Amino acid sequence: MKKGIHLHGRRADYSSILGEQEFFVTPLIRKSIADGLEKVGLPRTGARVLDIGAGECPLREVLQKKGYSYTSLDIGQNLANSIDHVARIDGPLPEELNIPGGFDLLVMTEVLEHVPDWAMTFQNLSKLLKGGGHCIITTPFFYMLHEEPHDYWRATDHSLKRFSEANGMEVVFSRRNGNGWDVLGTLICCTSVCRQEKSLLGYTALLPVWVAHRMLKWFFKSRVFDRLVDFQMRFYLGNFFLLRKME
């Protein structure tokens, strides 16, 4: 994406689920944001927040209601022309963001997978934060390719911890979001089935596969066994991190 273009297809809120592929992940992201803000606590008077990779600014109202002075940053302008600063988080920052004392809170939800230079990104996060300030990060670990070709990474919690601590930010809290049911459900909801060839045999083969696919979607989305069976695996959907800049 180039500086100055409009951002299309970005979510306007976290209260709705945009398509089956987000059925499992969106509620987890929404909960992570709420948990992060709860752990940070009520802001002081005049506290400032920077929403990084803000897109259509779905968190503006939430953060302003909390009492923060809201500023947004993204690599392109959105359709509502509401991005305050158009720049890359992994590049030179606008001089206007070098505010005295720094920001009290940074929020970066589902952004890091689209950022090529993590070293510069985490340096900038630390530079933007005031001493004792917090940063809320969510990023996917198991999720389909999206916003291509600008989809570069799937981060582990180990990588987030390493980059954070290397730049003077301690991990206050972290969580791996999603269990085995969520992973398999997301996998099934991110797939589709179609015939290989236009023939009677192709249609005949497609029907049972299509029925099985629909049944699997229903099974996972219904969460029939979620509360009865703890289905563990070494995959999870995404990361939630709350960081604090050391004073």
C-alpha atoms as a PDB file:
ATOM      1  CA  MET A   1       0.000   0.000   0.000  1.00  0.00           C
ATOM      2  CA  LYS A   2       1.273   3.477  -0.777  1.00  0.00           C
ATOM      3  CA  LYS A   3       1.022   6.584   1.306  1.00  0.00           C
ATOM      4  CA  GLY A   4      -2.110   8.577   0.644  1.00  0.00           C
ATOM      5  CA  ILE A   5      -4.375   5.851  -0.748  1.00  0.00           C
ATOM      6  CA  HIS A   6      -7.741   5.020   0.738  1.00  0.00           C
ATOM      7  CA  LEU A   7      -8.136   1.940   2.906  1.00  0.00           C
ATOM      8  CA  HIS A   8     -10.945  -0.335   1.753  1.00  0.00           C
ATOM      9  CA  GLY A   9     -12.465  -3.370   3.442  1.00  0.00           C
ATOM     10  CA  ARG A  10     -11.407  -2.375   6.973  1.00  0.00           C
ATOM     11  CA  ARG A  11     -13.793  -2.973   9.845  1.00  0.00           C
ATOM     12  CA  ALA A  12     -15.809  -0.103  11.276  1.00  0.00           C
ATOM     13  CA  ASP A  13     -16.461  -1.836  14.618  1.00  0.00           C
ATOM     14  CA  TYR A  14     -15.695  -4.965  16.647  1.00  0.00           C
ATOM     15  CA  SER A  15     -19.305  -5.601  17.633  1.00  0.00           C
ATOM     16  CA  SER A  16     -20.251  -7.328  14.362  1.00  0.00           C
ATOM     17  CA  ILE A  17     -18.796 -10.393  12.659  1.00  0.00           C
ATOM     18  CA  LEU A  18     -17.795  -9.771   9.049  1.00  0.00           C
ATOM     19  CA  GLY A  19     -18.241 -13.136   7.375  1.00  0.00           C
ATOM     20  CA  GLU A  20     -17.961 -16.719   8.601  1.00  0.00           C
ATOM     21  CA  GLN A  21     -14.164 -16.603   8.638  1.00  0.00           C
ATOM     22  CA  GLU A  22     -14.331 -14.139  11.554  1.00  0.00           C
ATOM     23  CA  PHE A  23     -16.921 -16.069  13.581  1.00  0.00           C
ATOM     24  CA  PHE A  24     -14.413 -17.313  16.139  1.00  0.00           C
ATOM     25  CA  VAL A  25     -11.707 -14.658  16.072  1.00  0.00           C
ATOM     26  CA  THR A  26     -13.701 -11.410  16.327  1.00  0.00           C
ATOM     27  CA  PRO A  27     -15.208 -12.089  19.784  1.00  0.00           C
ATOM     28  CA  LEU A  28     -11.714 -12.953  21.065  1.00  0.00           C
ATOM     29  CA  ILE A  29     -10.259  -9.701  19.720  1.00  0.00           C
ATOM     30  CA  ARG A  30     -13.167  -7.758  21.212  1.00  0.00           C
ATOM     31  CA  LYS A  31     -12.606  -9.409  24.603  1.00  0.00           C
ATOM     32  CA  SER A  32      -8.857  -8.756  24.439  1.00  0.00           C
ATOM     33  CA  ILE A  33      -9.397  -5.037  23.844  1.00  0.00           C
ATOM     34  CA  ALA A  34     -11.889  -4.849  26.724  1.00  0.00           C
ATOM     35  CA  ASP A  35      -9.586  -6.816  29.038  1.00  0.00           C
ATOM     36  CA  GLY A  36      -6.619  -4.625  28.117  1.00  0.00           C
ATOM     37  CA  LEU A  37      -8.498  -1.409  28.845  1.00  0.00           C
ATOM     38  CA  GLU A  38      -9.772  -2.843  32.133  1.00  0.00           C
ATOM     39  CA  LYS A  39      -6.255  -3.812  33.230  1.00  0.00           C
ATOM     40  CA  VAL A  40      -4.913  -0.364  32.304  1.00  0.00           C
ATOM     41  CA  GLY A  41      -7.633   1.235  34.424  1.00  0.00           C
ATOM     42  CA  LEU A  42      -9.276   4.628  34.130  1.00  0.00           C
ATOM     43  CA  PRO A  43      -7.056   7.226  32.463  1.00  0.00           C
ATOM     44  CA  ARG A  44      -5.832  10.368  34.173  1.00  0.00           C
ATOM     45  CA  THR A  45      -7.321  13.684  33.062  1.00  0.00           C
ATOM     46  CA  GLY A  46      -5.927  14.613  29.648  1.00  0.00           C
ATOM     47  CA  ALA A  47      -4.518  11.148  28.934  1.00  0.00           C
ATOM     48  CA  ARG A  48      -3.649  10.595  25.268  1.00  0.00           C
ATOM     49  CA  VAL A  49      -4.056   7.460  23.168  1.00  0.00           C
ATOM     50  CA  LEU A  50      -2.644   6.682  19.728  1.00  0.00           C
ATOM     51  CA  ASP A  51      -4.595   4.140  17.652  1.00  0.00           C
ATOM     52  CA  ILE A  52      -2.005   2.581  15.301  1.00  0.00           C
ATOM     53  CA  GLY A  53      -3.287   1.042  12.062  1.00  0.00           C
ATOM     54  CA  ALA A  54      -6.643   2.545  12.904  1.00  0.00           C
ATOM     55  CA  GLY A  55      -8.337   1.807   9.554  1.00  0.00           C
ATOM     56  CA  GLU A  56     -11.926   3.013   9.896  1.00  0.00           C
ATOM     57  CA  CYS A  57     -11.265   3.939  13.562  1.00  0.00           C
ATOM     58  CA  PRO A  58     -13.561   1.343  15.190  1.00  0.00           C
ATOM     59  CA  LEU A  59     -12.082   2.086  18.625  1.00  0.00           C
ATOM     60  CA  ARG A  60     -12.414   5.877  18.542  1.00  0.00           C
ATOM     61  CA  GLU A  61     -15.725   6.046  20.399  1.00  0.00           C
ATOM     62  CA  VAL A  62     -14.733   3.392  22.954  1.00  0.00           C
ATOM     63  CA  LEU A  63     -11.472   5.159  23.823  1.00  0.00           C
ATOM     64  CA  GLN A  64     -13.025   8.618  23.929  1.00  0.00           C
ATOM     65  CA  LYS A  65     -15.764   7.375  26.263  1.00  0.00           C
ATOM     66  CA  LYS A  66     -13.005   6.071  28.536  1.00  0.00           C
ATOM     67  CA  GLY A  67     -11.703   9.627  28.720  1.00  0.00           C
ATOM     68  CA  TYR A  68      -8.737   9.539  26.330  1.00  0.00           C
ATOM     69  CA  SER A  69      -7.776  12.231  23.873  1.00  0.00           C
ATOM     70  CA  TYR A  70      -7.810  10.194  20.648  1.00  0.00           C
ATOM     71  CA  THR A  71      -5.289  10.295  17.781  1.00  0.00           C
ATOM     72  CA  SER A  72      -5.135   7.882  14.839  1.00  0.00           C
ATOM     73  CA  LEU A  73      -2.277   6.712  12.624  1.00  0.00           C
ATOM     74  CA  ASP A  74      -2.328   4.572   9.476  1.00  0.00           C
ATOM     75  CA  ILE A  75      -0.437   4.158   6.210  1.00  0.00           C
ATOM     76  CA  GLY A  76      -3.395   5.433   4.188  1.00  0.00           C
ATOM     77  CA  GLN A  77      -6.394   7.683   4.608  1.00  0.00           C
ATOM     78  CA  ASN A  78      -9.773   6.034   5.217  1.00  0.00           C
ATOM     79  CA  LEU A  79     -13.032   6.731   3.408  1.00  0.00           C
ATOM     80  CA  ALA A  80     -14.242   9.032   6.189  1.00  0.00           C
ATOM     81  CA  ASN A  81     -10.999  11.033   5.990  1.00  0.00           C
ATOM     82  CA  SER A  82     -10.621  10.599   9.762  1.00  0.00           C
ATOM     83  CA  ILE A  83      -7.008   9.381  10.017  1.00  0.00           C
ATOM     84  CA  ASP A  84      -5.071  12.103  11.834  1.00  0.00           C
ATOM     85  CA  HIS A  85      -1.592  11.070  10.680  1.00  0.00           C
ATOM     86  CA  VAL A  86      -0.792   9.146   7.499  1.00  0.00           C
ATOM     87  CA  ALA A  87       2.539   7.369   8.011  1.00  0.00           C
ATOM     88  CA  ARG A  88       4.095   3.946   8.555  1.00  0.00           C
ATOM     89  CA  ILE A  89       4.667   2.714  12.100  1.00  0.00           C
ATOM     90  CA  ASP A  90       7.894   1.108  10.839  1.00  0.00           C
ATOM     91  CA  GLY A  91       9.242   4.312   9.310  1.00  0.00           C
ATOM     92  CA  PRO A  92       9.997   7.930  10.249  1.00  0.00           C
ATOM     93  CA  LEU A  93       7.215   9.270  12.450  1.00  0.00           C
ATOM     94  CA  PRO A  94       5.489  12.628  11.876  1.00  0.00           C
ATOM     95  CA  GLU A  95       6.980  15.373  14.020  1.00  0.00           C
ATOM     96  CA  GLU A  96       3.498  16.082  15.397  1.00  0.00           C
ATOM     97  CA  LEU A  97       3.588  12.742  17.233  1.00  0.00           C
ATOM     98  CA  ASN A  98       6.661  13.744  19.224  1.00  0.00           C
ATOM     99  CA  ILE A  99       4.465  15.154  21.969  1.00  0.00           C
ATOM    100  CA  PRO A 100       5.939  16.197  25.321  1.00  0.00           C
ATOM    101  CA  GLY A 101       6.017  13.217  27.669  1.00  0.00           C
ATOM    102  CA  GLY A 102       4.646  10.772  25.097  1.00  0.00           C
ATOM    103  CA  PHE A 103       1.324   8.919  24.837  1.00  0.00           C
ATOM    104  CA  ASP A 104      -0.304   7.274  27.832  1.00  0.00           C
ATOM    105  CA  LEU A 105      -1.670   4.416  25.723  1.00  0.00           C
ATOM    106  CA  LEU A 106      -0.965   2.843  22.357  1.00  0.00           C
ATOM    107  CA  VAL A 107      -3.451   0.466  20.742  1.00  0.00           C
ATOM    108  CA  MET A 108      -2.411  -1.732  17.817  1.00  0.00           C
ATOM    109  CA  THR A 109      -5.020  -4.359  16.932  1.00  0.00           C
ATOM    110  CA  GLU A 110      -4.457  -6.834  14.064  1.00  0.00           C
ATOM    111  CA  VAL A 111      -1.703  -4.696  12.543  1.00  0.00           C
ATOM    112  CA  LEU A 112       1.681  -6.343  13.132  1.00  0.00           C
ATOM    113  CA  GLU A 113       1.119  -9.044  10.508  1.00  0.00           C
ATOM    114  CA  HIS A 114       1.049  -6.243   7.906  1.00  0.00           C
ATOM    115  CA  VAL A 115       4.251  -4.509   9.068  1.00  0.00           C
ATOM    116  CA  PRO A 116       7.514  -5.558   7.346  1.00  0.00           C
ATOM    117  CA  ASP A 117      10.056  -4.037   9.775  1.00  0.00           C
ATOM    118  CA  TRP A 118       9.412  -5.174  13.340  1.00  0.00           C
ATOM    119  CA  ALA A 119      12.698  -3.796  14.689  1.00  0.00           C
ATOM    120  CA  MET A 120      11.772  -0.234  13.691  1.00  0.00           C
ATOM    121  CA  THR A 121       8.162  -0.754  14.754  1.00  0.00           C
ATOM    122  CA  PHE A 122       9.009  -1.675  18.325  1.00  0.00           C
ATOM    123  CA  GLN A 123      11.589   1.113  18.525  1.00  0.00           C
ATOM    124  CA  ASN A 124       8.854   3.547  17.500  1.00  0.00           C
ATOM    125  CA  LEU A 125       6.361   2.092  19.978  1.00  0.00           C
ATOM    126  CA  SER A 126       8.834   2.624  22.795  1.00  0.00           C
ATOM    127  CA  LYS A 127       9.604   6.137  21.530  1.00  0.00           C
ATOM    128  CA  LEU A 128       5.916   7.083  21.406  1.00  0.00           C
ATOM    129  CA  LEU A 129       5.076   5.789  24.902  1.00  0.00           C
ATOM    130  CA  LYS A 130       5.592   7.793  28.058  1.00  0.00           C
ATOM    131  CA  GLY A 131       7.382   6.114  30.955  1.00  0.00           C
ATOM    132  CA  GLY A 132       4.833   3.882  32.680  1.00  0.00           C
ATOM    133  CA  GLY A 133       2.516   4.058  29.654  1.00  0.00           C
ATOM    134  CA  HIS A 134       0.792   0.990  28.231  1.00  0.00           C
ATOM    135  CA  CYS A 135       0.458  -0.644  24.822  1.00  0.00           C
ATOM    136  CA  ILE A 136      -2.316  -3.076  23.835  1.00  0.00           C
ATOM    137  CA  ILE A 137      -1.474  -5.429  20.970  1.00  0.00           C
ATOM    138  CA  THR A 138      -3.483  -8.151  19.251  1.00  0.00           C
ATOM    139  CA  THR A 139      -2.194 -10.078  16.267  1.00  0.00           C
ATOM    140  CA  PRO A 140      -3.173 -13.364  14.577  1.00  0.00           C
ATOM    141  CA  PHE A 141      -1.308 -16.644  14.799  1.00  0.00           C
ATOM    142  CA  PHE A 142      -3.728 -18.925  12.907  1.00  0.00           C
ATOM    143  CA  TYR A 143      -5.753 -17.029  10.321  1.00  0.00           C
ATOM    144  CA  MET A 144      -6.169 -16.895   6.561  1.00  0.00           C
ATOM    145  CA  LEU A 145      -4.140 -14.590   4.334  1.00  0.00           C
ATOM    146  CA  HIS A 146      -5.810 -11.181   4.099  1.00  0.00           C
ATOM    147  CA  GLU A 147      -5.156  -7.687   2.729  1.00  0.00           C
ATOM    148  CA  GLU A 148      -2.704  -9.291   0.329  1.00  0.00           C
ATOM    149  CA  PRO A 149       0.020  -8.728  -0.705  1.00  0.00           C
ATOM    150  CA  HIS A 150       0.611  -6.871   2.582  1.00  0.00           C
ATOM    151  CA  ASP A 151       0.339  -9.882   4.868  1.00  0.00           C
ATOM    152  CA  TYR A 152       3.836 -10.824   6.035  1.00  0.00           C
ATOM    153  CA  TRP A 153       3.919 -12.657   9.360  1.00  0.00           C
ATOM    154  CA  ARG A 154       2.183 -14.887  11.884  1.00  0.00           C
ATOM    155  CA  ALA A 155       3.643 -13.962  15.256  1.00  0.00           C
ATOM    156  CA  THR A 156       4.237 -16.261  18.219  1.00  0.00           C
ATOM    157  CA  ASP A 157       3.944 -14.901  21.734  1.00  0.00           C
ATOM    158  CA  HIS A 158       7.679 -15.575  22.124  1.00  0.00           C
ATOM    159  CA  SER A 159       8.530 -13.153  19.300  1.00  0.00           C
ATOM    160  CA  LEU A 160       6.283 -10.432  20.747  1.00  0.00           C
ATOM    161  CA  LYS A 161       7.888 -10.802  24.167  1.00  0.00           C
ATOM    162  CA  ARG A 162      11.408 -10.661  22.717  1.00  0.00           C
ATOM    163  CA  PHE A 163      10.836  -7.533  20.612  1.00  0.00           C
ATOM    164  CA  SER A 164       8.989  -5.781  23.450  1.00  0.00           C
ATOM    165  CA  GLU A 165      11.597  -6.393  26.129  1.00  0.00           C
ATOM    166  CA  ALA A 166      14.422  -5.491  23.735  1.00  0.00           C
ATOM    167  CA  ASN A 167      12.858  -2.026  23.478  1.00  0.00           C
ATOM    168  CA  GLY A 168      12.237  -1.282  27.127  1.00  0.00           C
ATOM    169  CA  MET A 169       8.665  -2.566  27.411  1.00  0.00           C
ATOM    170  CA  GLU A 170       7.754  -5.220  29.952  1.00  0.00           C
ATOM    171  CA  VAL A 171       4.931  -7.714  29.471  1.00  0.00           C
ATOM    172  CA  VAL A 172       2.203  -6.969  32.016  1.00  0.00           C
ATOM    173  CA  PHE A 173      -0.116  -9.650  30.659  1.00  0.00           C
ATOM    174  CA  SER A 174      -0.270 -11.961  27.660  1.00  0.00           C
ATOM    175  CA  ARG A 175      -2.690 -14.597  26.430  1.00  0.00           C
ATOM    176  CA  ARG A 176      -2.967 -17.072  23.602  1.00  0.00           C
ATOM    177  CA  ASN A 177      -6.483 -16.604  22.258  1.00  0.00           C
ATOM    178  CA  GLY A 178      -8.511 -19.555  21.015  1.00  0.00           C
ATOM    179  CA  ASN A 179      -8.531 -23.291  21.692  1.00  0.00           C
ATOM    180  CA  GLY A 180      -8.598 -26.298  19.381  1.00  0.00           C
ATOM    181  CA  TRP A 181     -12.301 -25.918  18.660  1.00  0.00           C
ATOM    182  CA  ASP A 182     -11.740 -22.293  17.580  1.00  0.00           C
ATOM    183  CA  VAL A 183      -8.815 -23.236  15.340  1.00  0.00           C
ATOM    184  CA  LEU A 184     -10.647 -26.043  13.542  1.00  0.00           C
ATOM    185  CA  GLY A 185     -13.803 -23.941  13.289  1.00  0.00           C
ATOM    186  CA  THR A 186     -11.859 -21.086  11.719  1.00  0.00           C
ATOM    187  CA  LEU A 187     -10.165 -23.492   9.311  1.00  0.00           C
ATOM    188  CA  ILE A 188     -13.497 -24.915   8.140  1.00  0.00           C
ATOM    189  CA  CYS A 189     -15.122 -21.468   7.886  1.00  0.00           C
ATOM    190  CA  CYS A 190     -12.223 -20.220   5.751  1.00  0.00           C
ATOM    191  CA  THR A 191     -12.741 -22.975   3.165  1.00  0.00           C
ATOM    192  CA  SER A 192     -15.183 -23.625   0.351  1.00  0.00           C
ATOM    193  CA  VAL A 193     -15.888 -26.608  -1.903  1.00  0.00           C
ATOM    194  CA  CYS A 194     -16.607 -26.730  -5.628  1.00  0.00           C
ATOM    195  CA  ARG A 195     -16.527 -29.313  -8.386  1.00  0.00           C
ATOM    196  CA  GLN A 196     -13.341 -30.000 -10.321  1.00  0.00           C
ATOM    197  CA  GLU A 197     -15.074 -30.619 -13.648  1.00  0.00           C
ATOM    198  CA  LYS A 198     -18.442 -29.933 -15.275  1.00  0.00           C
ATOM    199  CA  SER A 199     -19.701 -33.474 -15.541  1.00  0.00           C
ATOM    200  CA  LEU A 200     -22.276 -35.749 -13.936  1.00  0.00           C
ATOM    201  CA  LEU A 201     -19.497 -37.445 -11.974  1.00  0.00           C
ATOM    202  CA  GLY A 202     -18.264 -34.032 -10.798  1.00  0.00           C
ATOM    203  CA  TYR A 203     -21.714 -33.045  -9.536  1.00  0.00           C
ATOM    204  CA  THR A 204     -22.196 -36.468  -7.927  1.00  0.00           C
ATOM    205  CA  ALA A 205     -18.899 -36.227  -6.067  1.00  0.00           C
ATOM    206  CA  LEU A 206     -19.551 -32.636  -5.003  1.00  0.00           C
ATOM    207  CA  LEU A 207     -22.884 -33.262  -3.240  1.00  0.00           C
ATOM    208  CA  PRO A 208     -21.717 -35.390  -0.271  1.00  0.00           C
ATOM    209  CA  VAL A 209     -18.626 -33.204   0.221  1.00  0.00           C
ATOM    210  CA  TRP A 210     -20.770 -30.052   0.177  1.00  0.00           C
ATOM    211  CA  VAL A 211     -23.200 -31.566   2.711  1.00  0.00           C
ATOM    212  CA  ALA A 212     -20.350 -32.670   4.987  1.00  0.00           C
ATOM    213  CA  HIS A 213     -18.779 -29.214   4.737  1.00  0.00           C
ATOM    214  CA  ARG A 214     -22.019 -27.500   5.724  1.00  0.00           C
ATOM    215  CA  MET A 215     -22.496 -29.899   8.628  1.00  0.00           C
ATOM    216  CA  LEU A 216     -18.966 -29.277   9.886  1.00  0.00           C
ATOM    217  CA  LYS A 217     -19.550 -25.521   9.805  1.00  0.00           C
ATOM    218  CA  TRP A 218     -22.745 -25.952  11.802  1.00  0.00           C
ATOM    219  CA  PHE A 219     -21.038 -28.285  14.273  1.00  0.00           C
ATOM    220  CA  PHE A 220     -18.177 -25.926  15.118  1.00  0.00           C
ATOM    221  CA  LYS A 221     -20.264 -22.729  15.095  1.00  0.00           C
ATOM    222  CA  SER A 222     -22.880 -24.295  17.387  1.00  0.00           C
ATOM    223  CA  ARG A 223     -20.155 -24.933  20.014  1.00  0.00           C
ATOM    224  CA  VAL A 224     -21.978 -28.102  21.044  1.00  0.00           C
ATOM    225  CA  PHE A 225     -19.000 -29.646  22.818  1.00  0.00           C
ATOM    226  CA  ASP A 226     -17.029 -26.538  23.841  1.00  0.00           C
ATOM    227  CA  ARG A 227     -18.140 -26.658  27.458  1.00  0.00           C
ATOM    228  CA  LEU A 228     -17.951 -30.438  27.708  1.00  0.00           C
ATOM    229  CA  VAL A 229     -14.631 -31.301  26.082  1.00  0.00           C
ATOM    230  CA  ASP A 230     -11.356 -29.405  26.471  1.00  0.00           C
ATOM    231  CA  PHE A 231      -9.839 -29.805  22.996  1.00  0.00           C
ATOM    232  CA  GLN A 232      -6.180 -28.773  23.170  1.00  0.00           C
ATOM    233  CA  MET A 233      -3.654 -28.366  20.362  1.00  0.00           C
ATOM    234  CA  ARG A 234      -0.414 -26.468  19.763  1.00  0.00           C
ATOM    235  CA  PHE A 235      -2.177 -23.998  17.489  1.00  0.00           C
ATOM    236  CA  TYR A 236      -4.195 -21.013  18.647  1.00  0.00           C
ATOM    237  CA  LEU A 237      -5.918 -18.137  16.882  1.00  0.00           C
ATOM    238  CA  GLY A 238      -4.099 -15.045  18.068  1.00  0.00           C
ATOM    239  CA  ASN A 239      -2.062 -13.154  20.638  1.00  0.00           C
ATOM    240  CA  PHE A 240      -3.120 -10.585  23.189  1.00  0.00           C
ATOM    241  CA  PHE A 241      -0.373  -8.556  24.863  1.00  0.00           C
ATOM    242  CA  LEU A 242      -0.463  -5.720  27.358  1.00  0.00           C
ATOM    243  CA  LEU A 243       2.899  -3.963  27.604  1.00  0.00           C
ATOM    244  CA  ARG A 244       4.196  -1.271  29.932  1.00  0.00           C
ATOM    245  CA  LYS A 245       7.139   0.999  29.173  1.00  0.00           C
ATOM    246  CA  MET A 246       9.649   0.834  31.991  1.00  0.00           C
ATOM    247  CA  GLU A 247      10.301   4.185  33.664  1.00  0.00           C
END
